[in-house]
Amino acid sequence: MMEVKALEKPDERRDFPRGHLEAVHMTGLDFAVATFEPGWRWSESLASLAGTPTCQIHHNGYVVQGRMHITMDEGGEGELGPGDVFVVSPGHDAWVVGDEQCVVYDFAGAMAKDYAKAQ
């Protein structure tokens, strides 16, 4: 089996305050490209849609452009930038740092399936 899709023709696009997500759905993989505009913050842009105070999605990702700060519910925090590969567990808030949009590739699948969808 071989399956190929182009990101230029995503299966789905979800718009949310100060950003959007484009996803391709394949056998065994849901892949998302998320674009977050300056001023985006999860707790302000998506918490009401998700129905939780912090993001409860597991992320495996790669930062293509821009910077993002992440704080974990248990107190840890860090900043991601271009070229960073990351794993972030459920239970976090995040926001764009600076005046440049942040573009993230997410390989976990949960982002493409459930992120920015009403629960």
N, C-alpha and C. Protein backbone atom coordinates (compact mmCIF):
# COMPACT_ATOMS: atom_id res chain seq x y z
N MET A 1 0.85 -1.17 0.00
CA MET A 1 0.00 0.00 0.00
C MET A 1 0.89 1.23 0.00
N MET A 2 0.50 2.19 -0.81
CA MET A 2 1.16 3.49 -0.80
C MET A 2 0.08 4.55 -0.93
N GLU A 3 0.17 5.55 -0.10
CA GLU A 3 -0.81 6.64 -0.11
C GLU A 3 -0.05 7.95 -0.07
N VAL A 4 -0.39 8.87 -0.95
CA VAL A 4 0.29 10.17 -1.03
C VAL A 4 -0.76 11.26 -1.17
N LYS A 5 -0.60 12.32 -0.40
CA LYS A 5 -1.47 13.50 -0.51
C LYS A 5 -0.60 14.74 -0.48
N ALA A 6 -1.07 15.79 -1.10
CA ALA A 6 -0.34 17.06 -1.15
C ALA A 6 -0.90 18.02 -0.10
N LEU A 7 0.00 18.68 0.64
CA LEU A 7 -0.44 19.66 1.62
C LEU A 7 -1.14 20.86 0.98
N GLU A 8 -0.85 21.10 -0.30
CA GLU A 8 -1.50 22.20 -1.01
C GLU A 8 -2.99 21.94 -1.21
N LYS A 9 -3.40 20.68 -1.05
CA LYS A 9 -4.81 20.29 -1.20
C LYS A 9 -5.24 19.52 0.04
N PRO A 10 -5.35 20.20 1.19
CA PRO A 10 -5.70 19.49 2.43
C PRO A 10 -7.12 18.92 2.36
N ASP A 11 -7.33 17.86 3.14
CA ASP A 11 -8.66 17.27 3.25
C ASP A 11 -9.60 18.17 4.04
N GLU A 12 -9.02 18.98 4.90
CA GLU A 12 -9.83 19.77 5.82
C GLU A 12 -9.08 21.02 6.24
N ARG A 13 -9.83 22.10 6.45
CA ARG A 13 -9.28 23.33 7.02
C ARG A 13 -10.20 23.75 8.15
N ARG A 14 -9.60 24.07 9.29
CA ARG A 14 -10.36 24.58 10.43
C ARG A 14 -9.82 25.96 10.78
N ASP A 15 -10.70 26.94 10.76
CA ASP A 15 -10.33 28.29 11.16
C ASP A 15 -10.72 28.49 12.62
N PHE A 16 -9.88 29.18 13.36
CA PHE A 16 -10.16 29.52 14.75
C PHE A 16 -9.59 30.91 15.00
N PRO A 17 -9.95 31.55 16.11
CA PRO A 17 -9.44 32.90 16.35
C PRO A 17 -7.92 32.98 16.26
N ARG A 18 -7.45 33.84 15.39
CA ARG A 18 -6.02 34.12 15.17
C ARG A 18 -5.23 32.92 14.66
N GLY A 19 -5.89 32.07 13.87
CA GLY A 19 -5.15 30.97 13.29
C GLY A 19 -6.01 30.01 12.50
N HIS A 20 -5.36 29.00 11.96
CA HIS A 20 -6.08 27.94 11.25
C HIS A 20 -5.21 26.69 11.19
N LEU A 21 -5.86 25.59 10.86
CA LEU A 21 -5.22 24.30 10.75
C LEU A 21 -5.64 23.67 9.44
N GLU A 22 -4.70 23.07 8.73
CA GLU A 22 -4.99 22.33 7.51
C GLU A 22 -4.50 20.90 7.74
N ALA A 23 -5.36 19.93 7.44
CA ALA A 23 -5.04 18.54 7.74
C ALA A 23 -5.24 17.63 6.54
N VAL A 24 -4.39 16.62 6.47
CA VAL A 24 -4.59 15.52 5.53
C VAL A 24 -4.81 14.26 6.37
N HIS A 25 -5.77 13.46 5.96
CA HIS A 25 -6.12 12.24 6.68
C HIS A 25 -5.75 11.05 5.80
N MET A 26 -4.89 10.18 6.35
CA MET A 26 -4.40 9.03 5.59
C MET A 26 -4.51 7.79 6.46
N THR A 27 -4.31 6.65 5.86
CA THR A 27 -4.32 5.40 6.60
C THR A 27 -3.18 5.40 7.61
N GLY A 28 -3.50 5.40 8.89
CA GLY A 28 -2.49 5.37 9.93
C GLY A 28 -1.84 6.70 10.26
N LEU A 29 -2.24 7.79 9.61
CA LEU A 29 -1.64 9.09 9.90
C LEU A 29 -2.61 10.22 9.60
N ASP A 30 -2.78 11.08 10.57
CA ASP A 30 -3.44 12.36 10.37
C ASP A 30 -2.36 13.40 10.61
N PHE A 31 -2.10 14.22 9.61
CA PHE A 31 -1.01 15.20 9.64
C PHE A 31 -1.60 16.59 9.53
N ALA A 32 -1.14 17.50 10.38
CA ALA A 32 -1.69 18.86 10.37
C ALA A 32 -0.59 19.90 10.25
N VAL A 33 -0.91 20.97 9.55
CA VAL A 33 -0.08 22.17 9.52
C VAL A 33 -0.92 23.25 10.19
N ALA A 34 -0.43 23.75 11.32
CA ALA A 34 -1.15 24.78 12.06
C ALA A 34 -0.42 26.11 11.94
N THR A 35 -1.19 27.15 11.67
CA THR A 35 -0.64 28.50 11.57
C THR A 35 -1.28 29.35 12.65
N PHE A 36 -0.45 29.92 13.52
CA PHE A 36 -0.90 30.75 14.63
C PHE A 36 -0.39 32.17 14.41
N GLU A 37 -1.30 33.13 14.42
CA GLU A 37 -0.94 34.53 14.19
C GLU A 37 -0.45 35.18 15.48
N PRO A 38 0.33 36.26 15.37
CA PRO A 38 0.74 37.00 16.57
C PRO A 38 -0.49 37.35 17.41
N GLY A 39 -0.36 37.18 18.71
CA GLY A 39 -1.47 37.43 19.62
C GLY A 39 -2.29 36.19 19.94
N TRP A 40 -2.06 35.08 19.21
CA TRP A 40 -2.79 33.84 19.50
C TRP A 40 -2.32 33.27 20.82
N ARG A 41 -3.27 32.81 21.61
CA ARG A 41 -2.99 32.09 22.85
C ARG A 41 -4.07 31.03 23.01
N TRP A 42 -3.67 29.80 23.32
CA TRP A 42 -4.62 28.70 23.40
C TRP A 42 -5.75 29.02 24.37
N SER A 43 -5.41 29.48 25.58
CA SER A 43 -6.43 29.71 26.61
C SER A 43 -7.41 30.82 26.24
N GLU A 44 -7.04 31.68 25.31
CA GLU A 44 -7.94 32.75 24.88
C GLU A 44 -8.65 32.41 23.57
N SER A 45 -7.98 31.67 22.70
CA SER A 45 -8.53 31.40 21.36
C SER A 45 -9.30 30.08 21.27
N LEU A 46 -8.94 29.09 22.07
CA LEU A 46 -9.53 27.76 21.89
C LEU A 46 -10.14 27.13 23.13
N ALA A 47 -9.88 27.65 24.31
CA ALA A 47 -10.39 27.02 25.54
C ALA A 47 -11.91 26.90 25.54
N SER A 48 -12.59 27.94 25.11
CA SER A 48 -14.07 27.88 25.11
C SER A 48 -14.58 26.86 24.10
N LEU A 49 -13.89 26.71 22.99
CA LEU A 49 -14.28 25.73 21.98
C LEU A 49 -14.03 24.30 22.48
N ALA A 50 -12.89 24.09 23.14
CA ALA A 50 -12.53 22.76 23.64
C ALA A 50 -13.28 22.39 24.91
N GLY A 51 -13.68 23.41 25.68
CA GLY A 51 -14.38 23.14 26.93
C GLY A 51 -13.45 22.75 28.07
N THR A 52 -12.15 23.05 27.92
CA THR A 52 -11.17 22.78 28.98
C THR A 52 -10.30 24.02 29.16
N PRO A 53 -9.77 24.24 30.37
CA PRO A 53 -8.97 25.44 30.60
C PRO A 53 -7.60 25.41 29.92
N THR A 54 -7.08 24.19 29.66
CA THR A 54 -5.80 24.06 28.96
C THR A 54 -5.94 23.00 27.87
N CYS A 55 -5.01 22.97 26.94
CA CYS A 55 -5.04 22.02 25.83
C CYS A 55 -4.83 20.60 26.34
N GLN A 56 -5.72 19.70 25.94
CA GLN A 56 -5.63 18.31 26.36
C GLN A 56 -5.25 17.38 25.20
N ILE A 57 -4.57 17.93 24.20
CA ILE A 57 -4.10 17.16 23.04
C ILE A 57 -2.61 16.87 23.21
N HIS A 58 -2.19 15.66 22.87
CA HIS A 58 -0.77 15.29 22.83
C HIS A 58 -0.22 15.74 21.47
N HIS A 59 0.93 16.38 21.47
CA HIS A 59 1.54 16.88 20.23
C HIS A 59 2.92 16.27 20.01
N ASN A 60 3.16 15.80 18.79
CA ASN A 60 4.50 15.47 18.29
C ASN A 60 4.68 16.41 17.11
N GLY A 61 5.63 17.32 17.20
CA GLY A 61 5.67 18.32 16.15
C GLY A 61 7.04 18.84 15.78
N TYR A 62 6.99 19.76 14.83
CA TYR A 62 8.17 20.42 14.29
C TYR A 62 7.79 21.87 13.99
N VAL A 63 8.59 22.81 14.49
CA VAL A 63 8.33 24.23 14.25
C VAL A 63 9.02 24.64 12.96
N VAL A 64 8.23 25.15 12.02
CA VAL A 64 8.74 25.59 10.73
C VAL A 64 9.15 27.06 10.79
N GLN A 65 8.33 27.86 11.48
CA GLN A 65 8.52 29.32 11.48
C GLN A 65 7.96 29.89 12.77
N GLY A 66 8.58 30.96 13.25
CA GLY A 66 8.07 31.67 14.42
C GLY A 66 8.46 31.02 15.74
N ARG A 67 7.91 31.58 16.82
CA ARG A 67 8.22 31.09 18.16
C ARG A 67 6.93 30.89 18.95
N MET A 68 6.96 29.89 19.84
CA MET A 68 5.82 29.61 20.70
C MET A 68 6.32 29.29 22.10
N HIS A 69 5.65 29.84 23.10
CA HIS A 69 5.96 29.55 24.50
C HIS A 69 4.89 28.59 25.01
N ILE A 70 5.32 27.59 25.78
CA ILE A 70 4.40 26.59 26.32
C ILE A 70 4.60 26.49 27.82
N THR A 71 3.48 26.50 28.56
CA THR A 71 3.52 26.25 30.00
C THR A 71 2.68 25.01 30.28
N MET A 72 3.24 24.11 31.05
CA MET A 72 2.57 22.87 31.42
C MET A 72 1.75 23.08 32.69
N ASP A 73 0.65 22.36 32.82
CA ASP A 73 -0.19 22.47 34.01
C ASP A 73 0.61 22.20 35.28
N GLU A 74 1.59 21.30 35.22
CA GLU A 74 2.35 20.94 36.42
C GLU A 74 3.47 21.94 36.71
N GLY A 75 3.64 22.96 35.83
CA GLY A 75 4.59 24.03 36.15
C GLY A 75 5.78 24.17 35.21
N GLY A 76 6.11 23.16 34.44
CA GLY A 76 7.23 23.29 33.50
C GLY A 76 6.88 24.23 32.36
N GLU A 77 7.89 24.81 31.73
CA GLU A 77 7.65 25.68 30.59
C GLU A 77 8.88 25.75 29.71
N GLY A 78 8.66 26.20 28.48
CA GLY A 78 9.76 26.34 27.54
C GLY A 78 9.30 27.06 26.29
N GLU A 79 10.27 27.38 25.44
CA GLU A 79 9.98 28.09 24.20
C GLU A 79 10.50 27.28 23.03
N LEU A 80 9.71 27.24 21.97
CA LEU A 80 10.04 26.52 20.75
C LEU A 80 10.29 27.50 19.62
N GLY A 81 11.19 27.13 18.72
CA GLY A 81 11.46 27.98 17.58
C GLY A 81 11.77 27.16 16.34
N PRO A 82 12.07 27.83 15.23
CA PRO A 82 12.32 27.14 13.96
C PRO A 82 13.36 26.04 14.09
N GLY A 83 13.00 24.87 13.55
CA GLY A 83 13.90 23.73 13.57
C GLY A 83 13.75 22.83 14.78
N ASP A 84 12.94 23.25 15.77
CA ASP A 84 12.75 22.43 16.96
C ASP A 84 11.74 21.32 16.71
N VAL A 85 12.10 20.11 17.12
CA VAL A 85 11.20 18.96 17.13
C VAL A 85 10.76 18.80 18.58
N PHE A 86 9.46 18.57 18.80
CA PHE A 86 8.98 18.56 20.18
C PHE A 86 7.90 17.51 20.42
N VAL A 87 7.79 17.13 21.69
CA VAL A 87 6.70 16.32 22.20
C VAL A 87 6.14 17.08 23.38
N VAL A 88 4.83 17.32 23.38
CA VAL A 88 4.17 18.02 24.48
C VAL A 88 2.97 17.19 24.92
N SER A 89 2.92 16.87 26.19
CA SER A 89 1.83 16.08 26.76
C SER A 89 0.58 16.92 26.93
N PRO A 90 -0.58 16.27 27.07
CA PRO A 90 -1.81 17.01 27.37
C PRO A 90 -1.64 17.79 28.68
N GLY A 91 -2.36 18.92 28.76
CA GLY A 91 -2.31 19.75 29.96
C GLY A 91 -1.32 20.89 29.81
N HIS A 92 -1.58 21.79 28.86
CA HIS A 92 -0.67 22.92 28.64
C HIS A 92 -1.41 24.10 28.02
N ASP A 93 -0.81 25.26 28.19
CA ASP A 93 -1.24 26.47 27.49
C ASP A 93 -0.07 26.86 26.59
N ALA A 94 -0.36 27.60 25.52
CA ALA A 94 0.69 28.01 24.60
C ALA A 94 0.31 29.33 23.96
N TRP A 95 1.33 30.10 23.55
CA TRP A 95 1.06 31.36 22.87
C TRP A 95 2.22 31.72 21.95
N VAL A 96 1.88 32.50 20.93
CA VAL A 96 2.87 32.98 19.97
C VAL A 96 3.71 34.06 20.64
N VAL A 97 5.01 33.96 20.44
CA VAL A 97 5.95 34.95 20.96
C VAL A 97 6.36 35.85 19.81
N GLY A 98 6.24 37.16 19.99
CA GLY A 98 6.70 38.12 18.99
C GLY A 98 5.67 38.45 17.93
N ASP A 99 6.14 39.06 16.86
CA ASP A 99 5.27 39.59 15.80
C ASP A 99 5.23 38.73 14.55
N GLU A 100 5.81 37.54 14.59
CA GLU A 100 5.82 36.65 13.43
C GLU A 100 4.86 35.50 13.69
N GLN A 101 4.12 35.09 12.64
CA GLN A 101 3.26 33.94 12.81
C GLN A 101 4.11 32.70 13.09
N CYS A 102 3.50 31.75 13.79
CA CYS A 102 4.17 30.50 14.11
C CYS A 102 3.51 29.38 13.31
N VAL A 103 4.31 28.63 12.56
CA VAL A 103 3.81 27.53 11.74
C VAL A 103 4.39 26.24 12.31
N VAL A 104 3.48 25.30 12.61
CA VAL A 104 3.87 24.04 13.24
C VAL A 104 3.34 22.87 12.43
N TYR A 105 4.18 21.86 12.23
CA TYR A 105 3.74 20.58 11.65
C TYR A 105 3.47 19.66 12.84
N ASP A 106 2.31 19.01 12.85
CA ASP A 106 1.97 18.10 13.94
C ASP A 106 1.78 16.69 13.38
N PHE A 107 2.55 15.74 13.91
CA PHE A 107 2.54 14.36 13.41
C PHE A 107 1.76 13.41 14.30
N ALA A 108 1.25 13.88 15.43
CA ALA A 108 0.63 12.97 16.39
C ALA A 108 -0.69 12.41 15.91
N GLY A 109 -1.37 13.15 15.09
CA GLY A 109 -2.67 12.70 14.62
C GLY A 109 -3.81 13.27 15.43
N ALA A 110 -3.65 13.37 16.75
CA ALA A 110 -4.73 13.89 17.59
C ALA A 110 -5.04 15.34 17.22
N MET A 111 -4.02 16.09 16.86
CA MET A 111 -4.26 17.49 16.48
C MET A 111 -5.13 17.56 15.22
N ALA A 112 -4.82 16.75 14.25
CA ALA A 112 -5.59 16.75 13.01
C ALA A 112 -7.01 16.25 13.23
N LYS A 113 -7.19 15.32 14.16
CA LYS A 113 -8.52 14.76 14.40
C LYS A 113 -9.39 15.65 15.28
N ASP A 114 -8.82 16.18 16.39
CA ASP A 114 -9.65 16.79 17.42
C ASP A 114 -9.37 18.28 17.70
N TYR A 115 -8.27 18.81 17.25
CA TYR A 115 -7.87 20.17 17.61
C TYR A 115 -8.81 21.19 16.99
N ALA A 116 -9.22 22.17 17.79
CA ALA A 116 -10.09 23.27 17.35
C ALA A 116 -11.45 22.78 16.88
N LYS A 117 -11.91 21.69 17.47
CA LYS A 117 -13.27 21.20 17.22
C LYS A 117 -14.05 21.28 18.51
N ALA A 118 -15.30 21.67 18.43
CA ALA A 118 -16.14 21.72 19.61
C ALA A 118 -16.28 20.32 20.19
N GLN A 119 -16.14 20.21 21.50
CA GLN A 119 -16.22 18.89 22.16
C GLN A 119 -17.62 18.62 22.67
